[in-house]
Amino acid sequence: MADELATEIIAKIKAHAEPGGEEITTNTELTALGIHSLELTEIIFDLEEAYNIEIEMNTVDAWSNLKNVGDMVEAVRALIAKKA
């Protein structure tokens, strides 16, 4: 079961995903949602604004290797913890 942070991030990802009836979970592959570089960049901007974090460009490069929603949730969780 997803926690509050995961639920919020899933909602942001869903806003950029290709429409479909499939439920998005932390195990959902980003590519299965039609999330590619442009969408990933838009999601990153949304996450920066929502959580008042800064995602450096080298982090963006690393994020391009993220495979599923859970990977993204954990990356954001780490940046939020680092900020605290």
C-alpha atoms as a PDB file:
ATOM      1  CA  MET A   1       0.000   0.000   0.000  1.00  0.00           C
ATOM      2  CA  ALA A   2       1.342   3.417  -0.959  1.00  0.00           C
ATOM      3  CA  ASP A   3       1.991   6.073   1.670  1.00  0.00           C
ATOM      4  CA  GLU A   4       0.910   9.714   1.359  1.00  0.00           C
ATOM      5  CA  LEU A   5       4.042  10.814  -0.529  1.00  0.00           C
ATOM      6  CA  ALA A   6       3.732   7.931  -2.984  1.00  0.00           C
ATOM      7  CA  THR A   7       0.029   8.699  -3.518  1.00  0.00           C
ATOM      8  CA  GLU A   8       0.796  12.376  -4.242  1.00  0.00           C
ATOM      9  CA  ILE A   9       3.600  11.509  -6.665  1.00  0.00           C
ATOM     10  CA  ILE A  10       1.425   8.927  -8.436  1.00  0.00           C
ATOM     11  CA  ALA A  11      -1.201  11.650  -8.947  1.00  0.00           C
ATOM     12  CA  LYS A  12       1.418  13.965 -10.500  1.00  0.00           C
ATOM     13  CA  ILE A  13       2.701  11.187 -12.744  1.00  0.00           C
ATOM     14  CA  LYS A  14      -0.845  10.283 -13.773  1.00  0.00           C
ATOM     15  CA  ALA A  15      -1.375  13.871 -14.961  1.00  0.00           C
ATOM     16  CA  HIS A  16       1.446  13.365 -17.483  1.00  0.00           C
ATOM     17  CA  ALA A  17       0.830   9.709 -18.363  1.00  0.00           C
ATOM     18  CA  GLU A  18      -0.941   8.539 -21.477  1.00  0.00           C
ATOM     19  CA  PRO A  19      -4.622   7.970 -20.768  1.00  0.00           C
ATOM     20  CA  GLY A  20      -5.461   4.391 -19.901  1.00  0.00           C
ATOM     21  CA  GLY A  21      -7.487   2.335 -17.508  1.00  0.00           C
ATOM     22  CA  GLU A  22      -4.514   0.739 -15.774  1.00  0.00           C
ATOM     23  CA  GLU A  23      -4.046   1.572 -12.092  1.00  0.00           C
ATOM     24  CA  ILE A  24      -0.699   3.202 -11.342  1.00  0.00           C
ATOM     25  CA  THR A  25       1.233   1.682  -8.441  1.00  0.00           C
ATOM     26  CA  THR A  26       4.817   1.963  -7.232  1.00  0.00           C
ATOM     27  CA  ASN A  27       5.605  -1.098  -9.366  1.00  0.00           C
ATOM     28  CA  THR A  28       4.307   0.495 -12.580  1.00  0.00           C
ATOM     29  CA  GLU A  29       7.010   0.954 -15.213  1.00  0.00           C
ATOM     30  CA  LEU A  30       7.338   4.591 -16.336  1.00  0.00           C
ATOM     31  CA  THR A  31       7.666   3.566 -19.976  1.00  0.00           C
ATOM     32  CA  ALA A  32       4.377   1.639 -19.722  1.00  0.00           C
ATOM     33  CA  LEU A  33       2.725   4.983 -18.943  1.00  0.00           C
ATOM     34  CA  GLY A  34       4.243   6.680 -21.988  1.00  0.00           C
ATOM     35  CA  ILE A  35       6.570   8.723 -19.746  1.00  0.00           C
ATOM     36  CA  HIS A  36       9.624   9.778 -21.714  1.00  0.00           C
ATOM     37  CA  SER A  37      12.148  12.610 -21.388  1.00  0.00           C
ATOM     38  CA  LEU A  38       9.779  15.555 -21.941  1.00  0.00           C
ATOM     39  CA  GLU A  39       7.145  14.201 -19.567  1.00  0.00           C
ATOM     40  CA  LEU A  40       9.830  13.288 -17.032  1.00  0.00           C
ATOM     41  CA  THR A  41      11.138  16.869 -17.129  1.00  0.00           C
ATOM     42  CA  GLU A  42       7.629  18.237 -16.550  1.00  0.00           C
ATOM     43  CA  ILE A  43       7.086  15.824 -13.656  1.00  0.00           C
ATOM     44  CA  ILE A  44      10.414  16.895 -12.134  1.00  0.00           C
ATOM     45  CA  PHE A  45       9.365  20.561 -12.299  1.00  0.00           C
ATOM     46  CA  ASP A  46       6.058  19.654 -10.610  1.00  0.00           C
ATOM     47  CA  LEU A  47       7.873  17.747  -7.863  1.00  0.00           C
ATOM     48  CA  GLU A  48      10.357  20.577  -7.258  1.00  0.00           C
ATOM     49  CA  GLU A  49       7.528  23.041  -6.833  1.00  0.00           C
ATOM     50  CA  ALA A  50       5.335  20.784  -4.707  1.00  0.00           C
ATOM     51  CA  TYR A  51       8.029  19.701  -2.259  1.00  0.00           C
ATOM     52  CA  ASN A  52      10.313  22.745  -2.377  1.00  0.00           C
ATOM     53  CA  ILE A  53      13.268  20.623  -3.436  1.00  0.00           C
ATOM     54  CA  GLU A  54      15.916  21.267  -6.039  1.00  0.00           C
ATOM     55  CA  ILE A  55      16.705  18.540  -8.503  1.00  0.00           C
ATOM     56  CA  GLU A  56      20.095  19.219 -10.059  1.00  0.00           C
ATOM     57  CA  MET A  57      20.653  18.454 -13.729  1.00  0.00           C
ATOM     58  CA  ASN A  58      22.991  15.572 -12.941  1.00  0.00           C
ATOM     59  CA  THR A  59      20.161  14.162 -10.814  1.00  0.00           C
ATOM     60  CA  VAL A  60      17.837  14.497 -13.803  1.00  0.00           C
ATOM     61  CA  ASP A  61      20.325  12.470 -15.850  1.00  0.00           C
ATOM     62  CA  ALA A  62      20.327   9.816 -13.150  1.00  0.00           C
ATOM     63  CA  TRP A  63      16.536   9.891 -12.996  1.00  0.00           C
ATOM     64  CA  SER A  64      16.351   9.072 -16.679  1.00  0.00           C
ATOM     65  CA  ASN A  65      17.446   5.588 -15.591  1.00  0.00           C
ATOM     66  CA  LEU A  66      14.535   5.182 -13.181  1.00  0.00           C
ATOM     67  CA  LYS A  67      12.453   2.196 -14.144  1.00  0.00           C
ATOM     68  CA  ASN A  68       9.264   2.463 -12.124  1.00  0.00           C
ATOM     69  CA  VAL A  69       7.128   4.804 -10.054  1.00  0.00           C
ATOM     70  CA  GLY A  70       8.581   3.448  -6.794  1.00  0.00           C
ATOM     71  CA  ASP A  71      12.097   4.420  -7.901  1.00  0.00           C
ATOM     72  CA  MET A  72      10.892   7.989  -8.403  1.00  0.00           C
ATOM     73  CA  VAL A  73       9.097   8.063  -5.041  1.00  0.00           C
ATOM     74  CA  GLU A  74      12.247   6.928  -3.231  1.00  0.00           C
ATOM     75  CA  ALA A  75      14.392   9.506  -5.074  1.00  0.00           C
ATOM     76  CA  VAL A  76      12.021  12.316  -4.021  1.00  0.00           C
ATOM     77  CA  ARG A  77      11.843  10.951  -0.467  1.00  0.00           C
ATOM     78  CA  ALA A  78      15.666  11.071  -0.270  1.00  0.00           C
ATOM     79  CA  LEU A  79      15.777  14.700  -1.471  1.00  0.00           C
ATOM     80  CA  ILE A  80      13.093  15.733   1.026  1.00  0.00           C
ATOM     81  CA  ALA A  81      14.992  14.009   3.856  1.00  0.00           C
ATOM     82  CA  LYS A  82      18.239  15.684   2.782  1.00  0.00           C
ATOM     83  CA  LYS A  83      16.529  19.077   2.926  1.00  0.00           C
ATOM     84  CA  ALA A  84      15.172  18.536   6.458  1.00  0.00           C
END
